[in-house]
Protein backbone atom coordinates (compact mmCIF):
# COMPACT_ATOMS: atom_id res chain seq x y z
CA MET A 1 -84.36 -77.49 6.70
CA ILE A 2 -80.92 -78.13 5.25
CA THR A 3 -78.58 -75.59 6.81
CA PRO A 4 -75.00 -74.68 5.83
CA GLU A 5 -73.85 -76.40 9.02
CA ILE A 6 -75.43 -79.68 7.88
CA LEU A 7 -73.71 -79.45 4.52
CA ILE A 8 -70.35 -78.75 6.14
CA GLU A 9 -70.72 -81.70 8.50
CA THR A 10 -71.75 -83.93 5.58
CA ALA A 11 -68.68 -82.95 3.60
CA LYS A 12 -66.41 -83.57 6.60
CA SER A 13 -68.03 -86.97 7.11
CA VAL A 14 -67.35 -87.90 3.46
CA LEU A 15 -63.68 -87.01 3.78
CA LYS A 16 -63.32 -88.88 7.07
CA THR A 17 -65.04 -92.01 5.74
CA GLU A 18 -62.95 -92.05 2.58
CA ALA A 19 -59.74 -91.42 4.53
CA GLU A 20 -60.53 -94.37 6.78
CA ALA A 21 -61.19 -96.53 3.73
CA ILE A 22 -57.75 -95.72 2.34
CA LEU A 23 -56.00 -96.32 5.65
CA ALA A 24 -57.69 -99.73 5.92
CA LEU A 25 -55.98 -100.74 2.64
CA SER A 26 -52.54 -100.56 4.25
CA ASP A 27 -53.22 -103.81 6.11
CA ARG A 28 -53.72 -105.54 2.73
CA ILE A 29 -50.30 -104.64 1.34
CA ASN A 30 -48.91 -108.13 1.66
CA GLY A 31 -47.56 -111.03 -0.35
CA GLY A 32 -50.40 -110.77 -2.84
CA PHE A 33 -49.50 -107.17 -3.54
CA LEU A 34 -45.85 -108.15 -4.11
CA ALA A 35 -46.98 -110.98 -6.39
CA ALA A 36 -48.90 -108.44 -8.48
CA LEU A 37 -45.77 -106.30 -8.81
CA ASP A 38 -43.74 -109.31 -9.88
CA LEU A 39 -46.36 -110.31 -12.43
CA ILE A 40 -46.16 -106.85 -14.02
CA THR A 41 -42.38 -106.42 -13.98
CA GLU A 42 -41.70 -109.94 -15.23
CA SER A 43 -44.17 -109.70 -18.11
CA ARG A 44 -42.85 -109.31 -21.65
CA GLY A 45 -45.78 -107.18 -22.74
CA LYS A 46 -47.96 -104.32 -21.60
CA CYS A 47 -50.23 -103.70 -18.65
CA VAL A 48 -53.85 -103.54 -19.84
CA VAL A 49 -56.25 -101.92 -17.38
CA THR A 50 -59.97 -102.53 -17.76
CA GLY A 51 -63.19 -101.79 -15.91
CA MET A 52 -66.78 -100.64 -16.50
CA GLY A 53 -68.46 -97.42 -15.44
CA LYS A 54 -66.70 -95.56 -12.64
CA SER A 55 -64.22 -98.41 -12.34
CA GLY A 56 -63.36 -97.73 -15.95
CA ILE A 57 -62.76 -94.05 -15.25
CA ILE A 58 -60.44 -95.04 -12.43
CA GLY A 59 -58.79 -97.58 -14.72
CA LYS A 60 -57.96 -94.85 -17.23
CA LYS A 61 -56.23 -92.86 -14.52
CA ILE A 62 -54.29 -95.89 -13.29
CA ALA A 63 -53.18 -96.75 -16.82
CA ALA A 64 -52.03 -93.16 -17.38
CA THR A 65 -50.06 -93.15 -14.13
CA LEU A 66 -48.41 -96.48 -14.94
CA ALA A 67 -47.47 -95.34 -18.43
CA SER A 68 -45.92 -92.12 -17.16
CA THR A 69 -43.81 -93.95 -14.58
CA GLY A 70 -42.15 -96.55 -16.77
CA THR A 71 -44.75 -99.30 -17.10
CA PRO A 72 -46.18 -99.54 -20.65
CA ALA A 73 -49.93 -99.47 -20.07
CA PHE A 74 -53.24 -98.53 -21.66
CA PHE A 75 -56.93 -98.72 -20.86
CA MET A 76 -59.25 -101.12 -22.66
CA HIS A 77 -63.04 -100.72 -22.40
CA PRO A 78 -64.46 -104.19 -21.62
CA ALA A 79 -67.60 -103.71 -23.71
CA GLU A 80 -65.60 -102.56 -26.74
CA ALA A 81 -63.17 -105.43 -26.17
CA SER A 82 -65.85 -107.93 -27.18
CA HIS A 83 -66.28 -106.08 -30.45
CA GLY A 84 -62.73 -106.14 -31.71
CA ASP A 85 -60.59 -104.33 -29.17
CA LEU A 86 -59.31 -107.65 -27.82
CA GLY A 87 -56.88 -107.43 -30.71
CA MET A 88 -54.95 -104.97 -28.54
CA ILE A 89 -53.94 -107.82 -26.24
CA THR A 90 -50.97 -110.05 -27.04
CA TYR A 91 -49.11 -112.87 -25.37
CA GLY A 92 -47.11 -111.66 -22.40
CA ASP A 93 -49.50 -108.87 -21.41
CA VAL A 94 -50.91 -108.45 -17.90
CA ILE A 95 -54.51 -107.46 -17.15
CA ILE A 96 -55.59 -105.29 -14.23
CA ALA A 97 -59.36 -105.80 -13.98
CA ILE A 98 -61.26 -103.45 -11.66
CA SER A 99 -64.75 -104.24 -10.35
CA ASN A 100 -66.10 -103.48 -6.91
CA SER A 101 -68.57 -106.38 -7.06
CA GLY A 102 -66.26 -108.70 -8.94
CA GLU A 103 -69.27 -109.80 -10.96
CA THR A 104 -69.31 -107.23 -13.77
CA GLU A 105 -70.71 -109.14 -16.74
CA GLU A 106 -68.63 -107.36 -19.38
CA LEU A 107 -65.44 -108.29 -17.55
CA LEU A 108 -66.39 -111.88 -16.86
CA ARG A 109 -67.04 -112.46 -20.57
CA LEU A 110 -63.38 -111.66 -21.24
CA ILE A 111 -61.91 -114.18 -18.79
CA PRO A 112 -61.96 -117.16 -21.23
CA PHE A 113 -60.06 -115.07 -23.76
CA PHE A 114 -57.48 -114.07 -21.14
CA LYS A 115 -57.04 -117.69 -20.10
CA ARG A 116 -56.69 -118.85 -23.72
CA PHE A 117 -53.84 -116.41 -24.32
CA ASP A 118 -52.26 -117.20 -20.94
CA VAL A 119 -52.51 -113.56 -19.92
CA GLY A 120 -51.87 -112.83 -16.25
CA ILE A 121 -54.87 -111.31 -14.46
CA ILE A 122 -54.69 -109.00 -11.45
CA SER A 123 -58.12 -108.35 -10.00
CA MET A 124 -58.98 -105.34 -7.86
CA THR A 125 -62.34 -106.07 -6.27
CA GLY A 126 -64.34 -105.36 -3.15
CA ASN A 127 -65.40 -109.04 -2.94
CA SER A 128 -62.56 -111.52 -2.50
CA GLY A 129 -64.99 -114.41 -3.10
CA SER A 130 -66.27 -113.07 -6.41
CA THR A 131 -65.95 -114.77 -9.80
CA LEU A 132 -63.38 -112.23 -10.95
CA ALA A 133 -61.23 -112.59 -7.84
CA ARG A 134 -61.28 -116.40 -8.06
CA ALA A 135 -60.33 -116.32 -11.75
CA ALA A 136 -57.43 -113.93 -11.23
CA SER A 137 -53.76 -114.87 -10.98
CA VAL A 138 -53.49 -112.37 -8.13
CA ALA A 139 -56.47 -110.88 -6.27
CA ILE A 140 -56.14 -107.53 -4.50
CA ASP A 141 -58.82 -106.73 -1.94
CA ILE A 142 -60.07 -103.12 -2.17
CA SER A 143 -63.25 -103.61 -0.15
CA VAL A 144 -64.47 -100.79 2.09
CA LYS A 145 -66.46 -100.80 5.30
CA GLU A 146 -69.01 -98.33 3.95
CA GLU A 147 -69.60 -95.85 1.19
CA ALA A 148 -69.30 -92.19 2.11
CA CYS A 149 -72.68 -91.56 0.50
CA PRO A 150 -75.39 -91.43 3.22
CA LEU A 151 -77.59 -93.61 0.99
CA GLY A 152 -74.86 -96.25 0.97
CA ILE A 153 -75.23 -96.85 -2.77
CA VAL A 154 -73.22 -94.19 -4.60
CA PRO A 155 -69.63 -95.35 -5.27
CA THR A 156 -67.52 -93.00 -3.13
CA SER A 157 -65.28 -94.74 -0.63
CA SER A 158 -64.97 -97.74 -2.97
CA THR A 159 -63.79 -95.63 -5.92
CA THR A 160 -61.40 -93.70 -3.68
CA ALA A 161 -59.94 -96.99 -2.43
CA ALA A 162 -59.53 -98.27 -5.99
CA ILE A 163 -57.65 -95.21 -7.18
CA ALA A 164 -55.47 -95.19 -4.06
CA MET A 165 -54.53 -98.84 -4.57
CA GLY A 166 -53.73 -98.07 -8.20
CA ASP A 167 -51.39 -95.32 -7.05
CA ALA A 168 -49.79 -97.69 -4.56
CA ILE A 169 -49.10 -100.17 -7.36
CA ALA A 170 -47.69 -97.49 -9.68
CA VAL A 171 -45.40 -95.97 -7.04
CA ALA A 172 -44.18 -99.36 -5.82
CA LEU A 173 -43.37 -100.28 -9.43
CA LEU A 174 -41.58 -96.96 -9.81
CA ILE A 175 -39.33 -97.85 -6.88
CA LYS A 176 -38.90 -101.44 -8.02
CA ARG A 177 -37.76 -100.30 -11.48
CA GLY A 178 -35.41 -97.63 -10.12
CA PHE A 179 -37.37 -94.94 -11.96
CA LYS A 180 -35.85 -91.44 -11.61
CA ARG A 181 -36.95 -87.83 -12.05
CA GLU A 182 -35.11 -87.76 -15.37
CA ASP A 183 -37.09 -90.79 -16.56
CA PHE A 184 -40.36 -89.12 -15.58
CA ALA A 185 -39.35 -85.98 -17.46
CA PHE A 186 -38.55 -88.09 -20.53
CA PHE A 187 -42.22 -89.09 -20.72
CA HIS A 188 -43.32 -85.49 -19.99
CA PRO A 189 -41.25 -83.33 -22.35
CA GLY A 190 -44.05 -80.77 -22.55
CA GLY A 191 -44.48 -80.40 -18.80
CA SER A 192 -42.62 -77.99 -16.53
CA LEU A 193 -40.46 -80.79 -15.13
CA GLY A 194 -39.53 -81.95 -18.61
CA LYS A 195 -38.60 -78.43 -19.58
CA ARG A 196 -36.46 -77.96 -16.49
CA LEU A 197 -34.60 -81.20 -17.11
CA PHE A 198 -34.17 -81.09 -20.88
CA ILE A 199 -33.91 -77.52 -22.14
CA LYS A 200 -30.30 -76.38 -22.11
CA VAL A 201 -28.75 -72.95 -22.27
CA LYS A 202 -27.75 -73.53 -25.89
CA ASP A 203 -31.41 -74.03 -26.80
CA LEU A 204 -32.37 -70.52 -25.67
CA MET A 205 -29.25 -68.37 -25.98
CA TYR A 206 -28.67 -65.58 -28.49
CA THR A 207 -25.77 -66.17 -30.87
CA GLY A 208 -24.07 -64.69 -33.91
CA ASP A 209 -25.37 -61.36 -35.19
CA ALA A 210 -27.84 -61.16 -32.31
CA LEU A 211 -25.00 -60.60 -29.85
CA PRO A 212 -23.98 -57.05 -28.83
CA TYR A 213 -20.19 -57.26 -29.16
CA VAL A 214 -17.84 -54.33 -28.53
CA GLU A 215 -14.07 -54.07 -28.23
CA PRO A 216 -12.32 -52.42 -25.27
CA SER A 217 -11.53 -49.34 -27.34
CA THR A 218 -15.14 -48.85 -28.51
CA SER A 219 -16.45 -45.42 -27.51
CA LEU A 220 -19.25 -45.10 -25.02
CA VAL A 221 -21.56 -43.65 -27.68
CA ASP A 222 -20.93 -46.57 -30.06
CA THR A 223 -21.37 -48.98 -27.16
CA ILE A 224 -24.80 -47.50 -26.42
CA VAL A 225 -25.74 -47.78 -30.10
CA GLU A 226 -24.70 -51.46 -30.12
CA MET A 227 -26.63 -52.19 -26.94
CA SER A 228 -29.75 -50.45 -28.24
CA SER A 229 -29.68 -52.30 -31.57
CA ARG A 230 -29.50 -55.75 -29.94
CA ARG A 231 -31.96 -55.03 -27.10
CA LEU A 232 -30.46 -57.37 -24.54
CA GLY A 233 -29.64 -54.72 -21.98
CA LEU A 234 -25.91 -55.33 -22.17
CA ALA A 235 -22.84 -55.34 -24.37
CA VAL A 236 -20.17 -58.04 -24.23
CA VAL A 237 -16.63 -56.70 -24.31
CA VAL A 238 -14.32 -59.06 -26.22
CA ASP A 239 -10.88 -59.06 -27.83
CA LYS A 240 -10.13 -59.86 -31.47
CA ALA A 241 -10.40 -63.62 -30.75
CA CYS A 242 -13.81 -63.18 -29.08
CA ASN A 243 -12.37 -63.91 -25.64
CA LEU A 244 -14.43 -62.44 -22.82
CA LEU A 245 -12.99 -59.31 -21.19
CA GLY A 246 -16.08 -57.94 -19.49
CA ILE A 247 -19.66 -56.71 -19.88
CA ILE A 248 -21.42 -53.39 -19.85
CA THR A 249 -24.98 -53.34 -18.60
CA ASP A 250 -27.62 -50.63 -18.45
CA GLY A 251 -26.67 -50.30 -14.80
CA ASP A 252 -23.01 -49.73 -15.68
CA LEU A 253 -24.06 -46.92 -18.05
CA ARG A 254 -26.17 -45.22 -15.40
CA ARG A 255 -23.41 -45.46 -12.81
CA ALA A 256 -20.82 -44.05 -15.23
CA MET A 257 -23.00 -41.09 -16.14
CA GLY A 258 -23.85 -40.48 -12.50
CA ARG A 259 -20.18 -40.48 -11.54
CA TRP A 260 -18.54 -38.66 -14.46
CA GLY A 261 -21.46 -36.82 -16.08
CA LYS A 262 -20.71 -35.48 -19.57
CA ASN A 263 -17.11 -36.67 -19.30
CA SER A 264 -18.32 -40.26 -19.53
CA TYR A 265 -18.97 -39.74 -23.24
CA ASP A 266 -15.21 -39.43 -23.74
CA MET A 267 -14.63 -42.85 -22.19
CA SER A 268 -14.29 -46.22 -23.88
CA ALA A 269 -15.86 -49.57 -23.11
CA ARG A 270 -12.74 -50.56 -21.19
CA ASP A 271 -13.23 -47.71 -18.73
CA ILE A 272 -16.74 -48.65 -17.57
CA MET A 273 -17.03 -52.41 -18.15
CA THR A 274 -17.45 -54.92 -15.35
CA GLU A 275 -14.57 -57.37 -15.50
CA HIS A 276 -14.94 -61.10 -14.88
CA PRO A 277 -18.75 -61.26 -15.20
CA ARG A 278 -20.68 -64.37 -14.26
CA THR A 279 -20.85 -66.90 -17.08
CA ILE A 280 -22.46 -70.21 -17.81
CA SER A 281 -21.76 -73.10 -20.17
CA GLU A 282 -24.07 -73.69 -23.10
CA GLU A 283 -24.38 -77.33 -21.99
CA GLU A 284 -25.85 -76.36 -18.61
CA LEU A 285 -29.59 -76.61 -18.09
CA ALA A 286 -31.55 -73.43 -18.61
CA ALA A 287 -32.93 -74.01 -15.13
CA LYS A 288 -29.40 -73.62 -13.75
CA ALA A 289 -29.06 -70.29 -15.59
CA LEU A 290 -32.35 -69.17 -14.02
CA SER A 291 -31.07 -70.11 -10.57
CA VAL A 292 -27.87 -68.09 -11.05
CA MET A 293 -29.84 -65.07 -12.27
CA GLN A 294 -32.23 -65.22 -9.32
CA THR A 295 -29.40 -65.65 -6.80
CA HIS A 296 -27.48 -62.64 -8.09
CA SER A 297 -30.46 -60.47 -9.16
CA ILE A 298 -29.39 -60.22 -12.81
CA THR A 299 -31.36 -60.69 -16.01
CA SER A 300 -28.71 -62.01 -18.43
CA LEU A 301 -25.75 -64.34 -18.43
CA VAL A 302 -22.85 -64.51 -20.86
CA VAL A 303 -22.45 -67.99 -22.28
CA ALA A 304 -18.77 -68.80 -22.53
CA GLU A 305 -16.63 -71.86 -23.12
CA GLY A 306 -12.98 -72.66 -23.31
CA GLY A 307 -10.12 -72.32 -20.87
CA HIS A 308 -9.85 -73.37 -17.29
CA THR A 309 -9.74 -69.85 -15.87
CA GLU A 310 -12.06 -66.87 -15.98
CA HIS A 311 -9.41 -65.01 -18.02
CA ASN A 312 -9.54 -67.40 -20.96
CA LEU A 313 -13.16 -67.82 -22.00
CA ARG A 314 -14.53 -67.59 -25.53
CA VAL A 315 -17.98 -66.04 -25.76
CA THR A 316 -20.57 -68.17 -27.60
CA GLY A 317 -23.81 -66.48 -26.62
CA VAL A 318 -26.03 -64.65 -24.13
CA ILE A 319 -29.08 -66.04 -22.36
CA HIS A 320 -31.80 -63.74 -21.05
CA LEU A 321 -34.19 -64.22 -18.16
CA HIS A 322 -37.27 -63.39 -20.24
CA ASP A 323 -36.61 -66.21 -22.71
CA ILE A 324 -36.23 -68.71 -19.89
CA LEU A 325 -39.52 -67.69 -18.31
CA LYS A 326 -41.27 -67.50 -21.70
CA ASN A 327 -40.43 -71.18 -22.22
CA GLY A 328 -42.13 -72.19 -18.99
CA ILE A 329 -38.99 -72.87 -16.95
CA ILE A 330 -39.79 -71.75 -13.42
């Protein structure tokens, strides 16, 4: 009878076996590995990753990781290559060919073509004496002691080792090229990192007629009307030249009414505004605006530019917390 305990122990055994297979690869990070990195960085073309079956699935992941970290790369299916896709390959490219046995027929058929075009070949195989390994410019050994499958036939440890070695190559190339977070974001403009590093305050701020402007002499009632019509939860108090004098928030209104009651309706914006509010430049990242809002528990920031002191700033906009979060900046 197969009990839950047996299944748990089986799963633990799989993880342990695969972890050991990955750790064993560290002893093979040597001159051959460095030669593979040099072959890729010194090439004038692209990195073409190829492999059949599960090796092909792993190859697609490796190609995607390389491409997103500064190494132009794509996956080529070896069977389709023989039917026209070889046209993707040009002089100066580098091939990463993945095959656990090193004897995959579809890959071996491509070797004469690679040699004819003087394309560098990096093999990743579990058999260093295989045809593919011997034909390669650089052979990387990804052999494993055993598969994690109890039958010993299902690719488990071997596929884990292949993908781990692919990651090792991609990350080492990243370091070798001096690749930075900003570079990664450039290739991921739709991801959260790309948004954090590229979207600026000016891209999200409210401007022009959307801004709730009032002058210092504006009555409290008219200030409330202005705030309600713009729906930003504040009014920006400015002079005739649109220089920032202060802000009035919903909180300021509540505090004024709590302190002065009905008499607050006889007051002007100058009487209840908060002077010298926190501001941000429109050229700052929206992520920086979010950080300021979170630090000071506020939901809006006045966007202001101009002078070198807080008394000489021209208002250009307002940025709101909701718009930052709505755009996926977290």
